[in-house]
Amino acid sequence: MDINKKDNNLIVTGLKDFNLHHIFDCGQCFRFNAVSENSYFGIAKNKALLISQDDEVIFYDTTEDDFKNIWYDYFDLNRDYSEIKSRLSNDPIMKEAVSYGDGIRILNQDLWEAVISFIISASNNIPRIKGIIERLCENFGKQISYMGKTYYTFPDTDTIYSLSKEDLSVIRSGFRDKYIMDAADKFKSGTLTEEYIKSLSTPDAKKALMTINGVGNKVRDCILLFGLGRVDSFPVDVWIKRIMEYCYFDGEQSIPAISAFAEKHFGDIGGFAQQYLFFYARENKIGTE
């Protein structure tokens, strides 16, 4: 991977296993949106980023310091995805899924944002999730400017803790309001902290996250995978349930049975398998016929 600077862009070449459409349209992130066929814009880590791709050339509209300190880790650029894809491709089903979404990378997102975002995701669809999160940010986040326009950061724990249920009604998240408030209460009080959760084993982190009202198995596993980098986590939503039944089982299976199979079959790289399968299933509408 080579990094060069031209005008306001950092130009990254020689980066394999990287495709913006695959990364941002596989259900892991809700604040980046396509602005053209090959460009996405979004807010993460309290920073705005316009990122574009021309085949294997990636253009980051950012500073060298922010690329090194934020975006390099955020886009998981230090990980060898070729090795992961090779391991998964020993399974012919996964080989097809991997080839379809071969540019996916798991983003290393802020834990607090992941907690609230995936609480909002419960029993919801991606367009509505994005709308709720944007209303949350626009009403309670801090203003930042990019190219003469105003955008908003994700509100921190203290800000959300200070809100009432009536305040939160503006984001129109329905029954999720009380779960958002409970998460803020637990993080503000110190019952849960980022340092504490990160120090736990994956089984213990699962138990800790499920002390938040409204956090079930799927939301918990999404937080573990996308907010904590626990790449052995295998969240099971409706798309994953359908494709796992379609590809690996003869008929309907319970979510615990699918989770147990995934843990045994995919092991410590289950999170990567989940993302390839999710993208493949959703793009092809597998299991909906």
Protein backbone atom coordinates (compact mmCIF):
# COMPACT_ATOMS: atom_id res chain seq x y z
CA MET A 1 0.00 0.00 0.00
CA ASP A 2 1.38 3.39 -1.04
CA ILE A 3 0.14 6.76 0.22
CA ASN A 4 0.65 10.03 -1.66
CA LYS A 5 -0.76 13.52 -1.26
CA LYS A 6 -2.29 15.55 -4.08
CA ASP A 7 -4.19 18.80 -3.46
CA ASN A 8 -6.57 18.02 -0.57
CA ASN A 9 -6.56 14.28 -1.12
CA LEU A 10 -4.53 11.43 0.22
CA ILE A 11 -4.25 8.90 -2.57
CA VAL A 12 -3.89 5.27 -1.52
CA THR A 13 -2.74 2.74 -4.11
CA GLY A 14 -1.92 -0.94 -3.91
CA LEU A 15 -4.72 -1.63 -1.41
CA LYS A 16 -6.41 -4.96 -2.08
CA ASP A 17 -9.71 -6.28 -0.78
CA PHE A 18 -11.36 -2.85 -0.62
CA ASN A 19 -14.63 -1.77 -2.25
CA LEU A 20 -16.67 1.18 -0.99
CA HIS A 21 -20.02 -0.26 -2.08
CA HIS A 22 -19.28 -3.52 -0.29
CA ILE A 23 -18.04 -1.78 2.86
CA PHE A 24 -20.85 0.74 3.27
CA ASP A 25 -23.77 -1.36 2.02
CA CYS A 26 -23.33 -4.46 4.15
CA GLY A 27 -25.37 -3.27 7.15
CA GLN A 28 -22.53 -2.39 9.50
CA CYS A 29 -22.55 1.43 9.33
CA PHE A 30 -25.38 3.98 9.15
CA ARG A 31 -23.76 7.40 8.68
CA PHE A 32 -22.06 7.01 5.31
CA ASN A 33 -24.07 7.46 2.13
CA ALA A 34 -23.29 7.33 -1.58
CA VAL A 35 -22.94 10.76 -3.18
CA SER A 36 -22.01 9.40 -6.61
CA GLU A 37 -21.38 6.00 -8.15
CA ASN A 38 -17.90 5.72 -6.63
CA SER A 39 -17.95 8.19 -3.71
CA TYR A 40 -19.32 8.13 -0.17
CA PHE A 41 -19.61 10.85 2.44
CA GLY A 42 -20.16 10.47 6.14
CA ILE A 43 -19.32 11.35 9.71
CA ALA A 44 -17.35 9.11 12.06
CA LYS A 45 -15.10 9.73 15.07
CA ASN A 46 -16.37 13.37 15.07
CA LYS A 47 -14.87 13.92 11.61
CA ALA A 48 -16.36 14.36 8.13
CA LEU A 49 -14.93 12.26 5.32
CA LEU A 50 -15.43 12.18 1.57
CA ILE A 51 -13.91 9.01 0.16
CA SER A 52 -13.82 7.98 -3.50
CA GLN A 53 -12.57 4.99 -5.42
CA ASP A 54 -11.32 4.46 -8.95
CA ASP A 55 -10.58 0.74 -9.28
CA GLU A 56 -7.70 0.14 -6.86
CA VAL A 57 -7.03 3.84 -6.20
CA ILE A 58 -8.68 5.30 -3.08
CA PHE A 59 -9.01 9.06 -2.53
CA TYR A 60 -9.37 10.26 1.08
CA ASP A 61 -10.26 13.93 1.49
CA THR A 62 -8.46 14.23 4.81
CA THR A 63 -5.21 15.26 6.43
CA GLU A 64 -2.23 12.97 6.83
CA ASP A 65 -2.62 13.09 10.61
CA ASP A 66 -6.31 12.15 10.50
CA PHE A 67 -5.60 9.35 8.04
CA LYS A 68 -2.92 7.93 10.32
CA ASN A 69 -4.75 8.48 13.61
CA ILE A 70 -8.37 7.80 12.59
CA TRP A 71 -9.08 6.40 9.15
CA TYR A 72 -6.30 3.82 8.92
CA ASP A 73 -7.77 1.95 11.89
CA TYR A 74 -11.40 2.80 11.05
CA PHE A 75 -11.10 1.05 7.68
CA ASP A 76 -9.15 -1.85 9.20
CA LEU A 77 -6.25 -1.32 6.79
CA ASN A 78 -3.77 -3.26 8.89
CA ARG A 79 -5.62 -6.58 8.46
CA ASP A 80 -4.85 -9.21 5.83
CA TYR A 81 -8.25 -9.87 4.27
CA SER A 82 -6.78 -12.11 1.59
CA GLU A 83 -5.85 -14.62 4.26
CA ILE A 84 -9.33 -14.44 5.84
CA LYS A 85 -11.03 -14.92 2.47
CA SER A 86 -8.76 -17.85 1.69
CA ARG A 87 -9.74 -19.57 4.94
CA LEU A 88 -13.44 -18.97 4.42
CA SER A 89 -13.29 -20.09 0.79
CA ASN A 90 -12.51 -23.67 1.81
CA ASP A 91 -16.30 -23.78 2.18
CA PRO A 92 -17.81 -23.66 -1.34
CA ILE A 93 -20.82 -21.67 -0.11
CA MET A 94 -18.59 -19.08 1.49
CA LYS A 95 -16.35 -19.04 -1.58
CA GLU A 96 -19.29 -17.76 -3.63
CA ALA A 97 -20.33 -15.23 -0.98
CA VAL A 98 -16.75 -13.99 -0.61
CA SER A 99 -16.30 -13.55 -4.35
CA TYR A 100 -19.48 -11.48 -4.49
CA GLY A 101 -18.51 -9.09 -1.67
CA ASP A 102 -14.75 -9.42 -1.86
CA GLY A 103 -14.10 -5.78 -0.97
CA ILE A 104 -15.80 -5.84 2.43
CA ARG A 105 -13.84 -4.62 5.43
CA ILE A 106 -15.21 -4.50 8.96
CA LEU A 107 -15.13 -0.92 10.18
CA ASN A 108 -13.74 -0.22 13.66
CA GLN A 109 -16.50 2.04 14.94
CA ASP A 110 -16.88 4.00 18.16
CA LEU A 111 -18.33 1.76 20.88
CA TRP A 112 -20.88 4.27 22.21
CA GLU A 113 -22.15 5.04 18.71
CA ALA A 114 -22.41 1.30 18.01
CA VAL A 115 -24.39 0.71 21.20
CA ILE A 116 -27.00 3.36 20.39
CA SER A 117 -27.07 2.67 16.63
CA PHE A 118 -27.73 -1.03 17.04
CA ILE A 119 -30.32 -0.45 19.75
CA ILE A 120 -32.06 1.72 17.14
CA SER A 121 -31.61 -1.08 14.57
CA ALA A 122 -33.78 -3.53 16.52
CA SER A 123 -36.86 -4.58 14.49
CA ASN A 124 -36.04 -1.89 11.96
CA ASN A 125 -34.88 -1.46 8.34
CA ILE A 126 -31.76 0.33 7.16
CA PRO A 127 -33.40 3.47 5.64
CA ARG A 128 -35.40 4.07 8.82
CA ILE A 129 -32.39 3.35 11.06
CA LYS A 130 -30.40 5.96 9.13
CA GLY A 131 -33.20 8.49 9.44
CA ILE A 132 -33.50 8.06 13.21
CA ILE A 133 -29.74 8.33 13.70
CA GLU A 134 -29.51 11.45 11.55
CA ARG A 135 -32.32 13.11 13.54
CA LEU A 136 -30.51 12.17 16.75
CA CYS A 137 -27.30 13.78 15.47
CA GLU A 138 -28.94 16.87 13.97
CA ASN A 139 -30.83 17.63 17.18
CA PHE A 140 -28.24 16.70 19.80
CA GLY A 141 -24.83 16.41 18.16
CA LYS A 142 -22.16 19.09 17.81
CA GLN A 143 -21.83 21.11 14.63
CA ILE A 144 -18.88 20.54 12.32
CA SER A 145 -18.23 22.19 8.95
CA TYR A 146 -17.13 20.60 5.72
CA MET A 147 -16.83 22.46 2.41
CA GLY A 148 -19.04 25.27 3.68
CA LYS A 149 -21.82 22.99 4.91
CA THR A 150 -22.83 22.11 8.45
CA TYR A 151 -22.96 18.54 9.69
CA TYR A 152 -23.39 16.99 13.11
CA THR A 153 -21.41 14.56 15.23
CA PHE A 154 -22.91 11.64 17.10
CA PRO A 155 -24.05 12.91 20.55
CA ASP A 156 -21.92 11.75 23.46
CA THR A 157 -23.07 9.90 26.56
CA ASP A 158 -23.49 13.03 28.71
CA THR A 159 -25.69 14.69 26.11
CA ILE A 160 -28.04 11.75 25.71
CA TYR A 161 -28.13 11.18 29.48
CA SER A 162 -29.38 14.76 29.94
CA LEU A 163 -32.37 14.21 27.64
CA SER A 164 -35.90 13.35 28.66
CA LYS A 165 -38.19 10.98 26.83
CA GLU A 166 -40.01 14.04 25.54
CA ASP A 167 -36.73 15.43 24.19
CA LEU A 168 -36.03 12.18 22.37
CA SER A 169 -39.47 12.10 20.75
CA VAL A 170 -38.11 14.34 17.98
CA ILE A 171 -36.01 11.47 16.59
CA ARG A 172 -39.14 9.30 16.22
CA SER A 173 -37.55 6.07 17.40
CA GLY A 174 -40.69 4.78 19.10
CA PHE A 175 -40.26 2.15 21.82
CA ARG A 176 -36.46 2.41 21.48
CA ASP A 177 -36.39 5.73 23.36
CA LYS A 178 -36.41 4.02 26.74
CA TYR A 179 -33.61 1.68 25.69
CA ILE A 180 -31.46 4.59 24.50
CA MET A 181 -32.01 6.31 27.84
CA ASP A 182 -31.16 3.16 29.79
CA ALA A 183 -27.90 2.75 27.86
CA ALA A 184 -26.99 6.38 28.64
CA ASP A 185 -27.83 5.84 32.31
CA LYS A 186 -25.60 2.76 32.56
CA PHE A 187 -22.65 4.42 30.82
CA LYS A 188 -23.04 7.71 32.69
CA SER A 189 -23.27 5.99 36.09
CA GLY A 190 -20.19 3.89 35.39
CA THR A 191 -22.10 0.62 35.59
CA LEU A 192 -20.71 0.09 32.11
CA THR A 193 -17.63 1.79 30.69
CA GLU A 194 -15.76 1.33 27.45
CA GLU A 195 -12.61 0.31 29.33
CA TYR A 196 -14.48 -2.25 31.41
CA ILE A 197 -16.27 -3.86 28.47
CA LYS A 198 -13.06 -4.00 26.42
CA SER A 199 -11.31 -5.76 29.30
CA LEU A 200 -13.83 -8.60 29.34
CA SER A 201 -13.73 -11.90 27.51
CA THR A 202 -16.28 -12.17 24.71
CA PRO A 203 -18.71 -14.30 26.79
CA ASP A 204 -18.50 -11.84 29.71
CA ALA A 205 -18.82 -8.83 27.36
CA LYS A 206 -22.00 -10.43 26.01
CA LYS A 207 -23.45 -10.64 29.52
CA ALA A 208 -22.46 -7.05 30.32
CA LEU A 209 -24.05 -5.61 27.18
CA MET A 210 -27.26 -7.52 27.81
CA THR A 211 -27.74 -5.67 31.10
CA ILE A 212 -28.86 -2.75 28.89
CA ASN A 213 -32.62 -2.89 28.43
CA GLY A 214 -33.54 -3.74 24.86
CA VAL A 215 -30.22 -5.39 24.00
CA GLY A 216 -30.92 -8.93 22.82
CA ASN A 217 -28.64 -11.43 21.14
CA LYS A 218 -28.56 -9.81 17.71
CA VAL A 219 -27.98 -6.26 18.96
CA ARG A 220 -25.38 -7.52 21.44
CA ASP A 221 -23.46 -9.38 18.76
CA CYS A 222 -23.54 -6.37 16.41
CA ILE A 223 -22.08 -4.18 19.16
CA LEU A 224 -19.38 -6.76 19.82
CA LEU A 225 -18.46 -7.05 16.16
CA PHE A 226 -18.68 -3.43 15.01
CA GLY A 227 -17.97 -1.53 18.24
CA LEU A 228 -15.49 -3.82 19.94
CA GLY A 229 -13.82 -5.60 17.05
CA ARG A 230 -14.74 -9.06 18.37
CA VAL A 231 -14.53 -10.72 14.98
CA ASP A 232 -15.67 -14.08 16.35
CA SER A 233 -19.15 -12.61 16.84
CA PHE A 234 -21.82 -13.75 14.37
CA PRO A 235 -24.96 -11.57 14.59
CA VAL A 236 -28.09 -13.33 13.33
CA ASP A 237 -30.75 -11.06 11.81
CA VAL A 238 -33.51 -11.93 9.37
CA TRP A 239 -31.16 -11.92 6.36
CA ILE A 240 -28.59 -14.16 8.05
CA LYS A 241 -31.28 -16.52 9.31
CA ARG A 242 -32.68 -16.87 5.78
CA ILE A 243 -29.37 -17.45 4.04
CA MET A 244 -28.11 -19.87 6.69
CA GLU A 245 -31.31 -21.90 6.38
CA TYR A 246 -31.09 -21.70 2.60
CA CYS A 247 -27.44 -22.73 2.37
CA TYR A 248 -26.67 -24.87 5.40
CA PHE A 249 -29.93 -26.37 6.67
CA ASP A 250 -32.82 -28.32 5.25
CA GLY A 251 -35.65 -26.08 6.40
CA GLU A 252 -36.27 -23.61 9.20
CA GLN A 253 -33.91 -23.46 12.16
CA SER A 254 -33.93 -21.58 15.44
CA ILE A 255 -31.56 -18.66 15.91
CA PRO A 256 -29.69 -20.49 18.74
CA ALA A 257 -29.14 -23.46 16.40
CA ILE A 258 -27.80 -21.16 13.68
CA SER A 259 -25.54 -19.36 16.15
CA ALA A 260 -24.17 -22.66 17.49
CA PHE A 261 -23.50 -23.90 13.95
CA ALA A 262 -21.74 -20.65 13.01
CA GLU A 263 -19.55 -20.73 16.11
CA LYS A 264 -18.40 -24.25 15.28
CA HIS A 265 -18.19 -23.81 11.50
CA PHE A 266 -16.59 -20.35 11.25
CA GLY A 267 -14.79 -20.15 14.58
CA ASP A 268 -12.71 -17.06 15.27
CA ILE A 269 -13.56 -15.42 11.92
CA GLY A 270 -17.33 -15.70 12.19
CA GLY A 271 -17.79 -11.95 11.98
CA PHE A 272 -16.20 -11.81 8.54
CA ALA A 273 -18.34 -14.74 7.38
CA GLN A 274 -21.44 -12.92 8.64
CA GLN A 275 -20.64 -9.80 6.63
CA TYR A 276 -19.99 -11.67 3.38
CA LEU A 277 -23.18 -13.70 3.86
CA PHE A 278 -25.28 -10.64 4.77
CA PHE A 279 -24.15 -8.70 1.69
CA TYR A 280 -24.63 -11.71 -0.59
CA ALA A 281 -28.09 -12.50 0.78
CA ARG A 282 -29.38 -8.94 0.76
CA GLU A 283 -28.08 -8.04 -2.68
CA ASN A 284 -29.50 -11.21 -4.20
CA LYS A 285 -32.62 -11.37 -2.00
CA ILE A 286 -31.79 -14.97 -1.17
CA GLY A 287 -34.41 -16.71 0.94
CA THR A 288 -37.22 -14.29 0.09
CA GLU A 289 -38.82 -16.36 -2.63
